[in-house]
N, C-alpha and C. Protein backbone atom coordinates (compact mmCIF):
# COMPACT_ATOMS: atom_id res chain seq x y z
N MET A 1 38.09 -14.67 14.77
CA MET A 1 37.28 -13.74 15.54
C MET A 1 37.17 -14.24 16.98
N THR A 2 37.33 -13.36 17.92
CA THR A 2 37.23 -13.70 19.33
C THR A 2 35.78 -13.56 19.77
N THR A 3 35.26 -14.61 20.40
CA THR A 3 33.87 -14.58 20.87
C THR A 3 33.76 -13.83 22.20
N ASN A 4 32.55 -13.48 22.58
CA ASN A 4 32.33 -12.82 23.88
C ASN A 4 32.76 -13.74 25.02
N PHE A 5 32.49 -15.03 24.89
CA PHE A 5 32.91 -15.99 25.91
C PHE A 5 34.43 -15.95 26.08
N GLN A 6 35.16 -16.01 24.96
CA GLN A 6 36.61 -15.96 25.03
C GLN A 6 37.09 -14.66 25.65
N LYS A 7 36.49 -13.56 25.28
CA LYS A 7 36.89 -12.26 25.84
C LYS A 7 36.73 -12.26 27.36
N LYS A 8 35.64 -12.84 27.85
CA LYS A 8 35.42 -12.91 29.30
C LYS A 8 36.48 -13.77 29.96
N VAL A 9 36.79 -14.91 29.35
CA VAL A 9 37.85 -15.79 29.88
C VAL A 9 39.16 -15.03 29.94
N TYR A 10 39.54 -14.38 28.85
CA TYR A 10 40.81 -13.67 28.79
C TYR A 10 40.89 -12.54 29.81
N LYS A 11 39.78 -11.86 30.03
CA LYS A 11 39.75 -10.77 31.00
C LYS A 11 40.02 -11.30 32.41
N ILE A 12 39.38 -12.40 32.77
CA ILE A 12 39.57 -13.00 34.10
C ILE A 12 40.99 -13.52 34.25
N VAL A 13 41.47 -14.25 33.27
CA VAL A 13 42.80 -14.85 33.34
C VAL A 13 43.89 -13.78 33.37
N SER A 14 43.67 -12.68 32.69
CA SER A 14 44.68 -11.61 32.67
C SER A 14 44.89 -10.99 34.05
N LYS A 15 43.96 -11.23 34.96
CA LYS A 15 44.05 -10.66 36.31
C LYS A 15 44.67 -11.62 37.33
N ILE A 16 45.03 -12.83 36.91
CA ILE A 16 45.65 -13.78 37.84
C ILE A 16 47.08 -13.30 38.11
N PRO A 17 47.40 -12.98 39.36
CA PRO A 17 48.73 -12.46 39.66
C PRO A 17 49.83 -13.51 39.48
N LYS A 18 51.00 -13.03 39.18
CA LYS A 18 52.18 -13.89 39.08
C LYS A 18 52.34 -14.63 40.41
N GLY A 19 52.62 -15.92 40.32
CA GLY A 19 52.81 -16.72 41.53
C GLY A 19 51.53 -17.36 42.04
N GLN A 20 50.42 -17.09 41.36
CA GLN A 20 49.14 -17.68 41.75
C GLN A 20 48.53 -18.42 40.57
N THR A 21 47.62 -19.33 40.89
CA THR A 21 46.92 -20.06 39.85
C THR A 21 45.42 -20.03 40.13
N MET A 22 44.68 -20.46 39.15
CA MET A 22 43.23 -20.58 39.25
C MET A 22 42.87 -21.80 38.42
N SER A 23 41.84 -22.51 38.80
CA SER A 23 41.43 -23.67 38.01
C SER A 23 40.49 -23.24 36.89
N TYR A 24 40.39 -24.11 35.89
CA TYR A 24 39.45 -23.88 34.79
C TYR A 24 38.04 -23.73 35.37
N LYS A 25 37.74 -24.55 36.35
CA LYS A 25 36.43 -24.52 37.00
C LYS A 25 36.20 -23.19 37.72
N GLN A 26 37.22 -22.65 38.38
CA GLN A 26 37.09 -21.36 39.06
C GLN A 26 36.83 -20.23 38.06
N VAL A 27 37.53 -20.27 36.94
CA VAL A 27 37.32 -19.25 35.91
C VAL A 27 35.87 -19.31 35.43
N ALA A 28 35.40 -20.53 35.15
CA ALA A 28 34.02 -20.70 34.69
C ALA A 28 33.03 -20.22 35.74
N SER A 29 33.30 -20.52 37.00
CA SER A 29 32.41 -20.11 38.09
C SER A 29 32.32 -18.59 38.17
N ILE A 30 33.43 -17.90 38.03
CA ILE A 30 33.43 -16.43 38.05
C ILE A 30 32.56 -15.90 36.91
N MET A 31 32.57 -16.63 35.80
CA MET A 31 31.77 -16.23 34.64
C MET A 31 30.29 -16.58 34.80
N GLY A 32 29.98 -17.36 35.84
CA GLY A 32 28.59 -17.76 36.06
C GLY A 32 28.16 -18.93 35.22
N THR A 33 29.11 -19.80 34.87
CA THR A 33 28.82 -20.96 34.04
C THR A 33 29.53 -22.19 34.60
N LYS A 34 29.13 -23.34 34.14
CA LYS A 34 29.81 -24.58 34.49
C LYS A 34 30.64 -25.10 33.31
N ALA A 35 30.83 -24.27 32.33
CA ALA A 35 31.52 -24.66 31.10
C ALA A 35 33.03 -24.55 31.23
N TYR A 36 33.59 -25.30 32.20
CA TYR A 36 35.03 -25.18 32.42
C TYR A 36 35.85 -25.79 31.30
N GLN A 37 35.31 -26.76 30.58
CA GLN A 37 36.02 -27.30 29.42
C GLN A 37 36.09 -26.25 28.31
N ALA A 38 35.06 -25.45 28.19
CA ALA A 38 35.06 -24.37 27.20
C ALA A 38 36.10 -23.31 27.56
N VAL A 39 36.34 -23.13 28.86
CA VAL A 39 37.40 -22.22 29.30
C VAL A 39 38.74 -22.71 28.75
N GLY A 40 38.97 -24.02 28.88
CA GLY A 40 40.20 -24.60 28.35
C GLY A 40 40.32 -24.41 26.84
N GLN A 41 39.22 -24.56 26.14
CA GLN A 41 39.23 -24.36 24.69
C GLN A 41 39.54 -22.91 24.34
N ALA A 42 39.00 -21.98 25.11
CA ALA A 42 39.30 -20.57 24.87
C ALA A 42 40.78 -20.30 25.07
N LEU A 43 41.35 -20.87 26.12
CA LEU A 43 42.77 -20.65 26.42
C LEU A 43 43.67 -21.31 25.40
N LYS A 44 43.20 -22.37 24.79
CA LYS A 44 43.95 -23.05 23.72
C LYS A 44 44.20 -22.08 22.57
N ASN A 45 43.29 -21.14 22.41
CA ASN A 45 43.39 -20.15 21.32
C ASN A 45 43.82 -18.77 21.81
N ASN A 46 44.51 -18.73 22.93
CA ASN A 46 44.96 -17.47 23.53
C ASN A 46 45.74 -16.62 22.51
N PRO A 47 45.21 -15.45 22.17
CA PRO A 47 45.88 -14.61 21.17
C PRO A 47 47.04 -13.78 21.71
N ASP A 48 47.18 -13.71 23.03
CA ASP A 48 48.18 -12.81 23.62
C ASP A 48 48.73 -13.39 24.93
N PRO A 49 49.55 -14.45 24.86
CA PRO A 49 50.03 -15.10 26.08
C PRO A 49 50.89 -14.21 26.98
N THR A 50 51.40 -13.12 26.45
CA THR A 50 52.18 -12.20 27.28
C THR A 50 51.28 -11.50 28.29
N ASN A 51 50.09 -11.12 27.87
CA ASN A 51 49.17 -10.40 28.74
C ASN A 51 48.03 -11.26 29.28
N ILE A 52 47.86 -12.43 28.72
CA ILE A 52 46.83 -13.37 29.18
C ILE A 52 47.57 -14.64 29.60
N PRO A 53 47.97 -14.72 30.87
CA PRO A 53 48.83 -15.81 31.34
C PRO A 53 48.08 -17.14 31.51
N CYS A 54 47.76 -17.77 30.39
CA CYS A 54 46.97 -19.00 30.42
C CYS A 54 47.69 -20.12 31.16
N HIS A 55 49.00 -20.03 31.30
CA HIS A 55 49.74 -21.06 32.04
C HIS A 55 49.37 -21.06 33.52
N ARG A 56 48.73 -20.01 34.00
CA ARG A 56 48.33 -19.93 35.41
C ARG A 56 47.00 -20.60 35.68
N VAL A 57 46.40 -21.18 34.67
CA VAL A 57 45.14 -21.90 34.84
C VAL A 57 45.45 -23.39 34.83
N ILE A 58 45.04 -24.06 35.90
CA ILE A 58 45.35 -25.47 36.08
C ILE A 58 44.07 -26.26 36.38
N LYS A 59 44.21 -27.56 36.48
CA LYS A 59 43.07 -28.42 36.80
C LYS A 59 42.68 -28.25 38.27
N SER A 60 41.44 -28.56 38.59
CA SER A 60 40.95 -28.47 39.97
C SER A 60 41.69 -29.38 40.92
N ASN A 61 42.23 -30.49 40.41
CA ASN A 61 42.95 -31.44 41.26
C ASN A 61 44.41 -31.05 41.48
N GLY A 62 44.81 -29.90 40.96
CA GLY A 62 46.17 -29.41 41.16
C GLY A 62 47.15 -29.80 40.08
N GLN A 63 46.73 -30.63 39.15
CA GLN A 63 47.61 -31.00 38.03
C GLN A 63 47.65 -29.83 37.05
N VAL A 64 48.75 -29.75 36.29
CA VAL A 64 48.92 -28.60 35.42
C VAL A 64 47.97 -28.58 34.23
N GLY A 65 47.59 -29.71 33.71
CA GLY A 65 46.71 -29.72 32.54
C GLY A 65 47.48 -29.42 31.27
N SER A 66 46.76 -29.15 30.21
CA SER A 66 47.41 -28.92 28.92
C SER A 66 47.97 -27.50 28.82
N TYR A 67 48.77 -27.30 27.79
CA TYR A 67 49.38 -25.99 27.55
C TYR A 67 49.22 -25.68 26.07
N PHE A 68 48.46 -24.64 25.77
CA PHE A 68 48.11 -24.26 24.40
C PHE A 68 47.46 -25.42 23.66
N GLY A 69 46.64 -26.18 24.39
CA GLY A 69 45.89 -27.27 23.78
C GLY A 69 46.68 -28.54 23.59
N LYS A 70 47.93 -28.53 23.98
CA LYS A 70 48.76 -29.73 23.84
C LYS A 70 48.84 -30.43 25.19
N ASN A 71 48.56 -31.71 25.17
CA ASN A 71 48.50 -32.47 26.41
C ASN A 71 49.66 -33.45 26.52
N ASP A 72 50.74 -33.20 25.79
CA ASP A 72 51.87 -34.11 25.82
C ASP A 72 52.81 -33.74 26.98
N SER A 73 53.71 -34.65 27.29
CA SER A 73 54.59 -34.44 28.46
C SER A 73 55.51 -33.24 28.28
N SER A 74 55.95 -32.96 27.07
CA SER A 74 56.83 -31.82 26.82
C SER A 74 56.11 -30.50 27.13
N SER A 75 54.87 -30.38 26.68
CA SER A 75 54.09 -29.16 26.93
C SER A 75 53.81 -29.00 28.42
N LYS A 76 53.48 -30.09 29.08
CA LYS A 76 53.21 -30.03 30.52
C LYS A 76 54.46 -29.62 31.29
N ARG A 77 55.62 -30.15 30.88
CA ARG A 77 56.87 -29.77 31.55
C ARG A 77 57.15 -28.27 31.36
N LYS A 78 56.88 -27.77 30.17
CA LYS A 78 57.10 -26.35 29.89
C LYS A 78 56.20 -25.49 30.78
N LYS A 79 54.92 -25.86 30.88
CA LYS A 79 53.98 -25.11 31.72
C LYS A 79 54.42 -25.17 33.18
N LEU A 80 54.81 -26.34 33.62
CA LEU A 80 55.27 -26.51 35.00
C LEU A 80 56.51 -25.68 35.28
N LYS A 81 57.42 -25.63 34.33
CA LYS A 81 58.65 -24.85 34.48
C LYS A 81 58.32 -23.35 34.62
N ILE A 82 57.40 -22.87 33.80
CA ILE A 82 57.01 -21.45 33.87
C ILE A 82 56.37 -21.15 35.22
N LEU A 83 55.46 -22.02 35.66
CA LEU A 83 54.79 -21.81 36.95
C LEU A 83 55.80 -21.79 38.09
N ARG A 84 56.71 -22.74 38.08
CA ARG A 84 57.74 -22.79 39.15
C ARG A 84 58.63 -21.56 39.13
N SER A 85 58.93 -21.04 37.93
CA SER A 85 59.77 -19.85 37.83
C SER A 85 59.06 -18.63 38.43
N GLU A 86 57.73 -18.71 38.50
CA GLU A 86 56.94 -17.62 39.09
C GLU A 86 56.68 -17.85 40.58
N GLY A 87 57.20 -18.95 41.11
CA GLY A 87 57.05 -19.21 42.53
C GLY A 87 55.86 -20.07 42.91
N VAL A 88 55.20 -20.66 41.95
CA VAL A 88 54.06 -21.54 42.23
C VAL A 88 54.60 -22.89 42.70
N LYS A 89 54.07 -23.38 43.80
CA LYS A 89 54.47 -24.69 44.35
C LYS A 89 53.53 -25.76 43.81
N ILE A 90 54.02 -26.50 42.83
CA ILE A 90 53.22 -27.61 42.28
C ILE A 90 54.08 -28.84 42.28
């Protein structure tokens, strides 16, 4: 079951244009909360990555962060590759 918090996260993230990113903290701020780690947890359970581009959400320091809850180098490389293919300079 998708919670209201997750629905809000997915709605915001679905509006991030191709070639742009937003931080977990920025998403939380738009929601009026400081729960940016909870934003990451919501994205870990993204039910529709085609329409909810969770790969466009990165850390505030510019690092890519995890991808689908995986924090290993392979997942990070995959996220970075997708971002670069969209024209994001990281």
